[in-house]
C-alpha cells in the first residue's frame, strides 16, 4: 500500500528545493534558507515517523511535521506578499493538502 503522506511530503520537499533556488537567484538567501529548512523538514519528520518506536512517538513526529508545515506556511506567505513568484500559490495549495492529511492521521492515531 502506498504511503500517501510520505510520497506527498517528499515531492513537496523537492519543489521547495527548486523554489528556494529561485529565491537565491534574486539574492534572498535568508528567506531561501528558512523556507528550505522548514519545507524539507516536513518530509524528514514524516519519514522518521515511519520507524517510530511507539504510537506516541509516531504522533509526536507527525506533530513536529505539522509544526514545520505551519512555519513553511509563514515563509511562503512572506514570499507571496513581497515577491511575484507564480508557483507560490501552487506550493501553498500543496502544503495545505499535506496539513489536512497530517491532521487526519494525527486525529485517527490518537483514537
PDB file of N, CA and C in Angstrom:
ATOM      1  N   UNK A   1       0.836  -1.188   0.000  1.00  0.00           N
ATOM      2  CA  UNK A   1       0.000   0.000   0.000  1.00  0.00           C
ATOM      3  C   UNK A   1       0.882   1.253   0.000  1.00  0.00           C
ATOM      4  N   UNK A   2       0.523   2.211  -0.827  1.00  0.00           N
ATOM      5  CA  UNK A   2       1.291   3.448  -0.916  1.00  0.00           C
ATOM      6  C   UNK A   2       1.107   4.292   0.331  1.00  0.00           C
ATOM      7  N   UNK A   3       2.176   4.935   0.755  1.00  0.00           N
ATOM      8  CA  UNK A   3       2.137   5.839   1.893  1.00  0.00           C
ATOM      9  C   UNK A   3       1.979   7.258   1.331  1.00  0.00           C
ATOM     10  N   UNK A   4       0.723   7.698   1.191  1.00  0.00           N
ATOM     11  CA  UNK A   4       0.412   8.948   0.521  1.00  0.00           C
ATOM     12  C   UNK A   4       1.100  10.156   1.172  1.00  0.00           C
ATOM     13  N   UNK A   5       1.088  10.253   2.504  1.00  0.00           N
ATOM     14  CA  UNK A   5       1.676  11.417   3.159  1.00  0.00           C
ATOM     15  C   UNK A   5       3.193  11.445   2.964  1.00  0.00           C
ATOM     16  N   UNK A   6       3.818  10.290   2.973  1.00  0.00           N
ATOM     17  CA  UNK A   6       5.264  10.243   2.752  1.00  0.00           C
ATOM     18  C   UNK A   6       5.590  10.667   1.320  1.00  0.00           C
ATOM     19  N   UNK A   7       4.875  10.138   0.363  1.00  0.00           N
ATOM     20  CA  UNK A   7       5.097  10.487  -1.046  1.00  0.00           C
ATOM     21  C   UNK A   7       4.862  11.977  -1.274  1.00  0.00           C
ATOM     22  N   UNK A   8       3.739  12.499  -0.758  1.00  0.00           N
ATOM     23  CA  UNK A   8       3.417  13.924  -0.951  1.00  0.00           C
ATOM     24  C   UNK A   8       4.460  14.829  -0.291  1.00  0.00           C
ATOM     25  N   UNK A   9       4.897  14.468   0.897  1.00  0.00           N
ATOM     26  CA  UNK A   9       5.852  15.327   1.600  1.00  0.00           C
ATOM     27  C   UNK A   9       7.233  15.297   0.948  1.00  0.00           C
ATOM     28  N   UNK A  10       7.634  14.171   0.396  1.00  0.00           N
ATOM     29  CA  UNK A  10       8.914  14.089  -0.311  1.00  0.00           C
ATOM     30  C   UNK A  10       8.852  14.903  -1.608  1.00  0.00           C
ATOM     31  N   UNK A  11       7.752  14.779  -2.339  1.00  0.00           N
ATOM     32  CA  UNK A  11       7.593  15.572  -3.565  1.00  0.00           C
ATOM     33  C   UNK A  11       7.575  17.067  -3.243  1.00  0.00           C
ATOM     34  N   UNK A  12       6.898  17.422  -2.152  1.00  0.00           N
ATOM     35  CA  UNK A  12       6.845  18.822  -1.733  1.00  0.00           C
ATOM     36  C   UNK A  12       8.255  19.328  -1.404  1.00  0.00           C
ATOM     37  N   UNK A  13       9.043  18.510  -0.713  1.00  0.00           N
ATOM     38  CA  UNK A  13      10.422  18.890  -0.389  1.00  0.00           C
ATOM     39  C   UNK A  13      11.218  19.194  -1.659  1.00  0.00           C
ATOM     40  N   UNK A  14      11.043  18.367  -2.675  1.00  0.00           N
ATOM     41  CA  UNK A  14      11.733  18.602  -3.944  1.00  0.00           C
ATOM     42  C   UNK A  14      11.330  19.924  -4.571  1.00  0.00           C
ATOM     43  N   UNK A  15      10.056  20.240  -4.503  1.00  0.00           N
ATOM     44  CA  UNK A  15       9.573  21.515  -5.057  1.00  0.00           C
ATOM     45  C   UNK A  15      10.094  22.694  -4.252  1.00  0.00           C
ATOM     46  N   UNK A  16      10.207  22.523  -2.938  1.00  0.00           N
ATOM     47  CA  UNK A  16      10.768  23.581  -2.084  1.00  0.00           C
ATOM     48  C   UNK A  16      12.241  23.806  -2.439  1.00  0.00           C
ATOM     49  N   UNK A  17      12.974  22.741  -2.682  1.00  0.00           N
ATOM     50  CA  UNK A  17      14.377  22.864  -3.076  1.00  0.00           C
ATOM     51  C   UNK A  17      14.487  23.696  -4.351  1.00  0.00           C
ATOM     52  N   UNK A  18      13.667  23.376  -5.348  1.00  0.00           N
ATOM     53  CA  UNK A  18      13.673  24.131  -6.608  1.00  0.00           C
ATOM     54  C   UNK A  18      13.273  25.588  -6.387  1.00  0.00           C
ATOM     55  N   UNK A  19      12.245  25.802  -5.573  1.00  0.00           N
ATOM     56  CA  UNK A  19      11.741  27.145  -5.312  1.00  0.00           C
ATOM     57  C   UNK A  19      12.785  28.005  -4.610  1.00  0.00           C
ATOM     58  N   UNK A  20      13.485  27.428  -3.638  1.00  0.00           N
ATOM     59  CA  UNK A  20      14.494  28.210  -2.916  1.00  0.00           C
ATOM     60  C   UNK A  20      15.674  28.560  -3.822  1.00  0.00           C
ATOM     61  N   UNK A  21      15.926  27.768  -4.832  1.00  0.00           N
ATOM     62  CA  UNK A  21      16.954  28.128  -5.828  1.00  0.00           C
ATOM     63  C   UNK A  21      16.564  29.412  -6.552  1.00  0.00           C
ATOM     64  N   UNK A  22      15.261  29.540  -6.821  1.00  0.00           N
ATOM     65  CA  UNK A  22      14.764  30.760  -7.475  1.00  0.00           C
ATOM     66  C   UNK A  22      14.918  31.972  -6.552  1.00  0.00           C
ATOM     67  N   UNK A  23      14.657  31.780  -5.268  1.00  0.00           N
ATOM     68  CA  UNK A  23      14.835  32.876  -4.306  1.00  0.00           C
ATOM     69  C   UNK A  23      16.291  33.310  -4.223  1.00  0.00           C
ATOM     70  N   UNK A  24      17.187  32.355  -4.297  1.00  0.00           N
ATOM     71  CA  UNK A  24      18.620  32.681  -4.256  1.00  0.00           C
ATOM     72  C   UNK A  24      19.039  33.487  -5.476  1.00  0.00           C
ATOM     73  N   UNK A  25      18.392  33.239  -6.602  1.00  0.00           N
ATOM     74  CA  UNK A  25      18.713  33.987  -7.825  1.00  0.00           C
ATOM     75  C   UNK A  25      18.442  35.477  -7.660  1.00  0.00           C
ATOM     76  N   UNK A  26      17.480  35.839  -6.782  1.00  0.00           N
ATOM     77  CA  UNK A  26      17.207  37.255  -6.531  1.00  0.00           C
ATOM     78  C   UNK A  26      17.851  37.693  -5.207  1.00  0.00           C
ATOM     79  N   UNK A  27      18.804  36.895  -4.760  1.00  0.00           N
ATOM     80  CA  UNK A  27      19.628  37.168  -3.583  1.00  0.00           C
ATOM     81  C   UNK A  27      18.840  37.241  -2.278  1.00  0.00           C
ATOM     82  N   UNK A  28      17.785  36.474  -2.189  1.00  0.00           N
ATOM     83  CA  UNK A  28      17.009  36.351  -0.952  1.00  0.00           C
ATOM     84  C   UNK A  28      17.486  35.099  -0.207  1.00  0.00           C
ATOM     85  N   UNK A  29      18.745  35.157   0.221  1.00  0.00           N
ATOM     86  CA  UNK A  29      19.387  33.994   0.817  1.00  0.00           C
ATOM     87  C   UNK A  29      18.791  33.600   2.167  1.00  0.00           C
ATOM     88  N   UNK A  30      18.521  34.582   3.021  1.00  0.00           N
ATOM     89  CA  UNK A  30      17.977  34.273   4.352  1.00  0.00           C
ATOM     90  C   UNK A  30      16.586  33.662   4.242  1.00  0.00           C
ATOM     91  N   UNK A  31      15.761  34.251   3.410  1.00  0.00           N
ATOM     92  CA  UNK A  31      14.413  33.731   3.192  1.00  0.00           C
ATOM     93  C   UNK A  31      14.473  32.325   2.587  1.00  0.00           C
ATOM     94  N   UNK A  32      15.360  32.137   1.621  1.00  0.00           N
ATOM     95  CA  UNK A  32      15.521  30.821   0.990  1.00  0.00           C
ATOM     96  C   UNK A  32      15.952  29.782   2.023  1.00  0.00           C
ATOM     97  N   UNK A  33      16.887  30.160   2.892  1.00  0.00           N
ATOM     98  CA  UNK A  33      17.393  29.223   3.897  1.00  0.00           C
ATOM     99  C   UNK A  33      16.284  28.805   4.868  1.00  0.00           C
ATOM    100  N   UNK A  34      15.518  29.786   5.352  1.00  0.00           N
ATOM    101  CA  UNK A  34      14.443  29.497   6.301  1.00  0.00           C
ATOM    102  C   UNK A  34      13.379  28.597   5.662  1.00  0.00           C
ATOM    103  N   UNK A  35      12.987  28.923   4.435  1.00  0.00           N
ATOM    104  CA  UNK A  35      11.974  28.145   3.725  1.00  0.00           C
ATOM    105  C   UNK A  35      12.486  26.741   3.414  1.00  0.00           C
ATOM    106  N   UNK A  36      13.752  26.651   3.028  1.00  0.00           N
ATOM    107  CA  UNK A  36      14.362  25.352   2.749  1.00  0.00           C
ATOM    108  C   UNK A  36      14.316  24.466   3.993  1.00  0.00           C
ATOM    109  N   UNK A  37      14.724  25.029   5.128  1.00  0.00           N
ATOM    110  CA  UNK A  37      14.789  24.242   6.364  1.00  0.00           C
ATOM    111  C   UNK A  37      13.414  23.744   6.797  1.00  0.00           C
ATOM    112  N   UNK A  38      12.437  24.641   6.837  1.00  0.00           N
ATOM    113  CA  UNK A  38      11.120  24.216   7.316  1.00  0.00           C
ATOM    114  C   UNK A  38      10.402  23.343   6.284  1.00  0.00           C
ATOM    115  N   UNK A  39      10.521  23.701   5.011  1.00  0.00           N
ATOM    116  CA  UNK A  39       9.820  22.964   3.953  1.00  0.00           C
ATOM    117  C   UNK A  39      10.305  21.544   3.758  1.00  0.00           C
ATOM    118  N   UNK A  40      11.606  21.328   3.929  1.00  0.00           N
ATOM    119  CA  UNK A  40      12.132  19.970   3.782  1.00  0.00           C
ATOM    120  C   UNK A  40      12.021  19.177   5.090  1.00  0.00           C
ATOM    121  N   UNK A  41      11.899  19.880   6.193  1.00  0.00           N
ATOM    122  CA  UNK A  41      11.764  19.213   7.493  1.00  0.00           C
ATOM    123  C   UNK A  41      10.437  18.466   7.626  1.00  0.00           C
ATOM    124  N   UNK A  42       9.421  18.919   6.913  1.00  0.00           N
ATOM    125  CA  UNK A  42       8.120  18.234   6.950  1.00  0.00           C
ATOM    126  C   UNK A  42       8.315  16.782   6.527  1.00  0.00           C
ATOM    127  N   UNK A  43       8.907  16.586   5.367  1.00  0.00           N
ATOM    128  CA  UNK A  43       9.131  15.242   4.849  1.00  0.00           C
ATOM    129  C   UNK A  43      10.083  14.433   5.712  1.00  0.00           C
ATOM    130  N   UNK A  44      11.103  15.098   6.252  1.00  0.00           N
ATOM    131  CA  UNK A  44      12.060  14.392   7.107  1.00  0.00           C
ATOM    132  C   UNK A  44      11.358  13.829   8.342  1.00  0.00           C
ATOM    133  N   UNK A  45      10.465  14.614   8.932  1.00  0.00           N
ATOM    134  CA  UNK A  45       9.746  14.149  10.119  1.00  0.00           C
ATOM    135  C   UNK A  45       8.704  13.091   9.790  1.00  0.00           C
ATOM    136  N   UNK A  46       8.037  13.234   8.653  1.00  0.00           N
ATOM    137  CA  UNK A  46       7.090  12.194   8.221  1.00  0.00           C
ATOM    138  C   UNK A  46       7.850  10.894   7.997  1.00  0.00           C
ATOM    139  N   UNK A  47       9.007  10.988   7.367  1.00  0.00           N
ATOM    140  CA  UNK A  47       9.833   9.809   7.112  1.00  0.00           C
ATOM    141  C   UNK A  47      10.276   9.166   8.434  1.00  0.00           C
ATOM    142  N   UNK A  48      10.700  10.001   9.365  1.00  0.00           N
ATOM    143  CA  UNK A  48      11.141   9.497  10.661  1.00  0.00           C
ATOM    144  C   UNK A  48       9.995   8.815  11.412  1.00  0.00           C
ATOM    145  N   UNK A  49       8.789   9.328  11.246  1.00  0.00           N
ATOM    146  CA  UNK A  49       7.621   8.741  11.915  1.00  0.00           C
ATOM    147  C   UNK A  49       7.371   7.307  11.455  1.00  0.00           C
ATOM    148  N   UNK A  50       7.828   6.974  10.259  1.00  0.00           N
ATOM    149  CA  UNK A  50       7.599   5.633   9.726  1.00  0.00           C
ATOM    150  C   UNK A  50       8.318   4.563  10.530  1.00  0.00           C
ATOM    151  N   UNK A  51       9.366   4.960  11.244  1.00  0.00           N
ATOM    152  CA  UNK A  51      10.069   3.980  12.079  1.00  0.00           C
ATOM    153  C   UNK A  51       9.964   4.351  13.559  1.00  0.00           C
ATOM    154  N   UNK A  52       8.842   4.950  13.916  1.00  0.00           N
ATOM    155  CA  UNK A  52       8.608   5.344  15.306  1.00  0.00           C
ATOM    156  C   UNK A  52       8.626   4.125  16.218  1.00  0.00           C
ATOM    157  N   UNK A  53       9.039   4.359  17.449  1.00  0.00           N
ATOM    158  CA  UNK A  53       9.149   3.276  18.421  1.00  0.00           C
ATOM    159  C   UNK A  53       7.823   2.921  19.076  1.00  0.00           C
ATOM    160  N   UNK A  54       6.867   3.839  18.994  1.00  0.00           N
ATOM    161  CA  UNK A  54       5.564   3.610  19.609  1.00  0.00           C
ATOM    162  C   UNK A  54       4.534   4.508  18.936  1.00  0.00           C
ATOM    163  N   UNK A  55       3.276   4.302  19.278  1.00  0.00           N
ATOM    164  CA  UNK A  55       2.200   5.147  18.744  1.00  0.00           C
ATOM    165  C   UNK A  55       2.402   6.600  19.202  1.00  0.00           C
ATOM    166  N   UNK A  56       2.818   6.771  20.442  1.00  0.00           N
ATOM    167  CA  UNK A  56       3.062   8.115  20.979  1.00  0.00           C
ATOM    168  C   UNK A  56       4.196   8.788  20.212  1.00  0.00           C
ATOM    169  N   UNK A  57       5.254   8.049  19.943  1.00  0.00           N
ATOM    170  CA  UNK A  57       6.391   8.568  19.182  1.00  0.00           C
ATOM    171  C   UNK A  57       5.956   8.928  17.756  1.00  0.00           C
ATOM    172  N   UNK A  58       5.141   8.077  17.153  1.00  0.00           N
ATOM    173  CA  UNK A  58       4.602   8.319  15.803  1.00  0.00           C
ATOM    174  C   UNK A  58       3.825   9.630  15.766  1.00  0.00           C
ATOM    175  N   UNK A  59       2.913   9.803  16.711  1.00  0.00           N
ATOM    176  CA  UNK A  59       2.096  11.014  16.776  1.00  0.00           C
ATOM    177  C   UNK A  59       2.990  12.237  17.003  1.00  0.00           C
ATOM    178  N   UNK A  60       3.955  12.102  17.900  1.00  0.00           N
ATOM    179  CA  UNK A  60       4.871  13.207  18.202  1.00  0.00           C
ATOM    180  C   UNK A  60       5.623  13.671  16.944  1.00  0.00           C
ATOM    181  N   UNK A  61       6.142  12.730  16.195  1.00  0.00           N
ATOM    182  CA  UNK A  61       6.896  13.076  14.986  1.00  0.00           C
ATOM    183  C   UNK A  61       5.993  13.736  13.938  1.00  0.00           C
ATOM    184  N   UNK A  62       4.761  13.259  13.825  1.00  0.00           N
ATOM    185  CA  UNK A  62       3.832  13.889  12.882  1.00  0.00           C
ATOM    186  C   UNK A  62       3.413  15.278  13.357  1.00  0.00           C
ATOM    187  N   UNK A  63       3.338  15.476  14.666  1.00  0.00           N
ATOM    188  CA  UNK A  63       3.040  16.807  15.190  1.00  0.00           C
ATOM    189  C   UNK A  63       4.186  17.774  14.875  1.00  0.00           C
ATOM    190  N   UNK A  64       5.407  17.287  14.946  1.00  0.00           N
ATOM    191  CA  UNK A  64       6.552  18.121  14.571  1.00  0.00           C
ATOM    192  C   UNK A  64       6.455  18.482  13.084  1.00  0.00           C
ATOM    193  N   UNK A  65       6.107  17.505  12.252  1.00  0.00           N
ATOM    194  CA  UNK A  65       5.927  17.769  10.814  1.00  0.00           C
ATOM    195  C   UNK A  65       4.854  18.832  10.605  1.00  0.00           C
ATOM    196  N   UNK A  66       3.781  18.758  11.380  1.00  0.00           N
ATOM    197  CA  UNK A  66       2.705  19.743  11.271  1.00  0.00           C
ATOM    198  C   UNK A  66       3.182  21.135  11.689  1.00  0.00           C
ATOM    199  N   UNK A  67       3.980  21.211  12.747  1.00  0.00           N
ATOM    200  CA  UNK A  67       4.540  22.499  13.172  1.00  0.00           C
ATOM    201  C   UNK A  67       5.457  23.071  12.092  1.00  0.00           C
ATOM    202  N   UNK A  68       6.245  22.211  11.476  1.00  0.00           N
ATOM    203  CA  UNK A  68       7.122  22.666  10.390  1.00  0.00           C
ATOM    204  C   UNK A  68       6.291  23.157   9.203  1.00  0.00           C
ATOM    205  N   UNK A  69       5.142  22.530   8.985  1.00  0.00           N
ATOM    206  CA  UNK A  69       4.280  22.983   7.887  1.00  0.00           C
ATOM    207  C   UNK A  69       3.708  24.368   8.194  1.00  0.00           C
ATOM    208  N   UNK A  70       3.444  24.655   9.472  1.00  0.00           N
ATOM    209  CA  UNK A  70       2.984  25.998   9.867  1.00  0.00           C
ATOM    210  C   UNK A  70       4.066  27.035   9.598  1.00  0.00           C
ATOM    211  N   UNK A  71       5.293  26.692   9.938  1.00  0.00           N
ATOM    212  CA  UNK A  71       6.402  27.614   9.681  1.00  0.00           C
ATOM    213  C   UNK A  71       6.587  27.821   8.178  1.00  0.00           C
ATOM    214  N   UNK A  72       6.473  26.752   7.423  1.00  0.00           N
ATOM    215  CA  UNK A  72       6.598  26.843   5.969  1.00  0.00           C
ATOM    216  C   UNK A  72       5.510  27.740   5.397  1.00  0.00           C
ATOM    217  N   UNK A  73       4.311  27.605   5.939  1.00  0.00           N
ATOM    218  CA  UNK A  73       3.197  28.464   5.521  1.00  0.00           C
ATOM    219  C   UNK A  73       3.549  29.931   5.750  1.00  0.00           C
ATOM    220  N   UNK A  74       4.151  30.225   6.880  1.00  0.00           N
ATOM    221  CA  UNK A  74       4.568  31.591   7.197  1.00  0.00           C
ATOM    222  C   UNK A  74       5.557  32.122   6.153  1.00  0.00           C
ATOM    223  N   UNK A  75       6.604  31.350   5.871  1.00  0.00           N
ATOM    224  CA  UNK A  75       7.632  31.796   4.918  1.00  0.00           C
ATOM    225  C   UNK A  75       7.053  31.935   3.515  1.00  0.00           C
ATOM    226  N   UNK A  76       6.194  31.014   3.113  1.00  0.00           N
ATOM    227  CA  UNK A  76       5.556  31.128   1.794  1.00  0.00           C
ATOM    228  C   UNK A  76       4.660  32.366   1.724  1.00  0.00           C
ATOM    229  N   UNK A  77       3.981  32.669   2.823  1.00  0.00           N
ATOM    230  CA  UNK A  77       3.147  33.871   2.867  1.00  0.00           C
ATOM    231  C   UNK A  77       4.006  35.120   2.710  1.00  0.00           C
ATOM    232  N   UNK A  78       5.153  35.146   3.357  1.00  0.00           N
ATOM    233  CA  UNK A  78       6.068  36.287   3.192  1.00  0.00           C
ATOM    234  C   UNK A  78       6.490  36.457   1.738  1.00  0.00           C
ATOM    235  N   UNK A  79       6.813  35.355   1.099  1.00  0.00           N
ATOM    236  CA  UNK A  79       7.199  35.422  -0.318  1.00  0.00           C
ATOM    237  C   UNK A  79       6.025  35.932  -1.142  1.00  0.00           C
ATOM    238  N   UNK A  80       4.857  35.374  -0.893  1.00  0.00           N
ATOM    239  CA  UNK A  80       3.651  35.738  -1.637  1.00  0.00           C
ATOM    240  C   UNK A  80       3.338  37.234  -1.502  1.00  0.00           C
ATOM    241  N   UNK A  81       3.537  37.778  -0.309  1.00  0.00           N
ATOM    242  CA  UNK A  81       3.219  39.178  -0.043  1.00  0.00           C
ATOM    243  C   UNK A  81       4.256  40.155  -0.592  1.00  0.00           C
ATOM    244  N   UNK A  82       5.490  39.682  -0.799  1.00  0.00           N
ATOM    245  CA  UNK A  82       6.572  40.598  -1.141  1.00  0.00           C
ATOM    246  C   UNK A  82       7.218  40.392  -2.502  1.00  0.00           C
ATOM    247  N   UNK A  83       6.922  39.290  -3.141  1.00  0.00           N
ATOM    248  CA  UNK A  83       7.548  38.987  -4.429  1.00  0.00           C
ATOM    249  C   UNK A  83       6.512  38.414  -5.380  1.00  0.00           C
ATOM    250  N   UNK A  84       6.852  38.380  -6.639  1.00  0.00           N
ATOM    251  CA  UNK A  84       5.936  37.801  -7.621  1.00  0.00           C
ATOM    252  C   UNK A  84       6.515  36.501  -8.171  1.00  0.00           C
ATOM    253  N   UNK A  85       6.184  35.431  -7.486  1.00  0.00           N
ATOM    254  CA  UNK A  85       6.563  34.091  -7.925  1.00  0.00           C
ATOM    255  C   UNK A  85       5.275  33.331  -8.182  1.00  0.00           C
ATOM    256  N   UNK A  86       5.000  32.998  -9.423  1.00  0.00           N
ATOM    257  CA  UNK A  86       3.727  32.326  -9.721  1.00  0.00           C
ATOM    258  C   UNK A  86       3.544  30.986  -9.021  1.00  0.00           C
ATOM    259  N   UNK A  87       4.610  30.277  -8.726  1.00  0.00           N
ATOM    260  CA  UNK A  87       4.474  28.944  -8.133  1.00  0.00           C
ATOM    261  C   UNK A  87       4.158  28.984  -6.637  1.00  0.00           C
ATOM    262  N   UNK A  88       4.184  30.170  -6.019  1.00  0.00           N
ATOM    263  CA  UNK A  88       3.896  30.267  -4.584  1.00  0.00           C
ATOM    264  C   UNK A  88       2.501  29.736  -4.260  1.00  0.00           C
ATOM    265  N   UNK A  89       1.523  30.083  -5.073  1.00  0.00           N
ATOM    266  CA  UNK A  89       0.143  29.644  -4.849  1.00  0.00           C
ATOM    267  C   UNK A  89       0.022  28.120  -4.922  1.00  0.00           C
ATOM    268  N   UNK A  90       0.686  27.520  -5.906  1.00  0.00           N
ATOM    269  CA  UNK A  90       0.659  26.062  -6.044  1.00  0.00           C
ATOM    270  C   UNK A  90       1.307  25.379  -4.835  1.00  0.00           C
ATOM    271  N   UNK A  91       2.431  25.929  -4.391  1.00  0.00           N
ATOM    272  CA  UNK A  91       3.098  25.365  -3.213  1.00  0.00           C
ATOM    273  C   UNK A  91       2.208  25.472  -1.978  1.00  0.00           C
ATOM    274  N   UNK A  92       1.530  26.595  -1.858  1.00  0.00           N
ATOM    275  CA  UNK A  92       0.642  26.790  -0.700  1.00  0.00           C
ATOM    276  C   UNK A  92      -0.515  25.786  -0.729  1.00  0.00           C
ATOM    277  N   UNK A  93      -1.083  25.550  -1.906  1.00  0.00           N
ATOM    278  CA  UNK A  93      -2.163  24.562  -2.029  1.00  0.00           C
ATOM    279  C   UNK A  93      -1.674  23.172  -1.656  1.00  0.00           C
ATOM    280  N   UNK A  94      -0.493  22.831  -2.124  1.00  0.00           N
ATOM    281  CA  UNK A  94       0.080  21.521  -1.815  1.00  0.00           C
ATOM    282  C   UNK A  94       0.352  21.391  -0.310  1.00  0.00           C
ATOM    283  N   UNK A  95       0.855  22.463   0.265  1.00  0.00           N
ATOM    284  CA  UNK A  95       1.129  22.478   1.702  1.00  0.00           C
ATOM    285  C   UNK A  95      -0.154  22.292   2.508  1.00  0.00           C
ATOM    286  N   UNK A  96      -1.216  22.958   2.103  1.00  0.00           N
ATOM    287  CA  UNK A  96      -2.494  22.837   2.824  1.00  0.00           C
ATOM    288  C   UNK A  96      -3.047  21.415   2.722  1.00  0.00           C
ATOM    289  N   UNK A  97      -2.824  20.776   1.590  1.00  0.00           N
ATOM    290  CA  UNK A  97      -3.230  19.378   1.419  1.00  0.00           C
ATOM    291  C   UNK A  97      -2.458  18.481   2.390  1.00  0.00           C
ATOM    292  N   UNK A  98      -1.160  18.712   2.498  1.00  0.00           N
ATOM    293  CA  UNK A  98      -0.320  17.943   3.422  1.00  0.00           C
ATOM    294  C   UNK A  98      -0.788  18.174   4.861  1.00  0.00           C
ATOM    295  N   UNK A  99      -1.083  19.423   5.205  1.00  0.00           N
ATOM    296  CA  UNK A  99      -1.549  19.741   6.555  1.00  0.00           C
ATOM    297  C   UNK A  99      -2.859  19.021   6.886  1.00  0.00           C
ATOM    298  N   UNK A 100      -3.766  18.979   5.921  1.00  0.00           N
ATOM    299  CA  UNK A 100      -5.043  18.285   6.149  1.00  0.00           C
ATOM    300  C   UNK A 100      -4.809  16.793   6.405  1.00  0.00           C
ATOM    301  N   UNK A 101      -3.958  16.194   5.604  1.00  0.00           N
ATOM    302  CA  UNK A 101      -3.661  14.766   5.768  1.00  0.00           C
ATOM    303  C   UNK A 101      -2.991  14.514   7.115  1.00  0.00           C
ATOM    304  N   UNK A 102      -2.011  15.345   7.454  1.00  0.00           N
ATOM    305  CA  UNK A 102      -1.341  15.188   8.754  1.00  0.00           C
ATOM    306  C   UNK A 102      -2.360  15.284   9.890  1.00  0.00           C
ATOM    307  N   UNK A 103      -3.243  16.256   9.809  1.00  0.00           N
ATOM    308  CA  UNK A 103      -4.269  16.429  10.835  1.00  0.00           C
ATOM    309  C   UNK A 103      -5.147  15.197  10.990  1.00  0.00           C
ATOM    310  N   UNK A 104      -5.547  14.620   9.857  1.00  0.00           N
ATOM    311  CA  UNK A 104      -6.388  13.422   9.905  1.00  0.00           C
ATOM    312  C   UNK A 104      -5.636  12.228  10.483  1.00  0.00           C
ATOM    313  N   UNK A 105      -4.376  12.066  10.087  1.00  0.00           N
ATOM    314  CA  UNK A 105      -3.585  10.935  10.598  1.00  0.00           C
ATOM    315  C   UNK A 105      -3.378  11.091  12.103  1.00  0.00           C
ATOM    316  N   UNK A 106      -3.053  12.299  12.538  1.00  0.00           N
ATOM    317  CA  UNK A 106      -2.826  12.540  13.979  1.00  0.00           C
ATOM    318  C   UNK A 106      -4.110  12.262  14.754  1.00  0.00           C
ATOM    319  N   UNK A 107      -5.233  12.799  14.281  1.00  0.00           N
ATOM    320  CA  UNK A 107      -6.516  12.593  14.969  1.00  0.00           C
ATOM    321  C   UNK A 107      -6.904  11.114  15.020  1.00  0.00           C
ATOM    322  N   UNK A 108      -6.731  10.411  13.920  1.00  0.00           N
ATOM    323  CA  UNK A 108      -7.062   8.993  13.854  1.00  0.00           C
ATOM    324  C   UNK A 108      -6.137   8.176  14.759  1.00  0.00           C
ATOM    325  N   UNK A 109      -4.870   8.538  14.784  1.00  0.00           N
ATOM    326  CA  UNK A 109      -3.898   7.801  15.595  1.00  0.00           C
ATOM    327  C   UNK A 109      -4.126   7.967  17.083  1.00  0.00           C
ATOM    328  N   UNK A 110      -4.725   9.073  17.476  1.00  0.00           N
ATOM    329  CA  UNK A 110      -4.991   9.322  18.887  1.00  0.00           C
ATOM    330  C   UNK A 110      -6.135   8.464  19.427  1.00  0.00           C
ATOM    331  N   UNK A 111      -6.976   7.930  18.517  1.00  0.00           N
ATOM    332  CA  UNK A 111      -8.133   7.135  18.947  1.00  0.00           C
ATOM    333  C   UNK A 111      -7.741   5.754  19.412  1.00  0.00           C
TER     334      UNK A 111
END
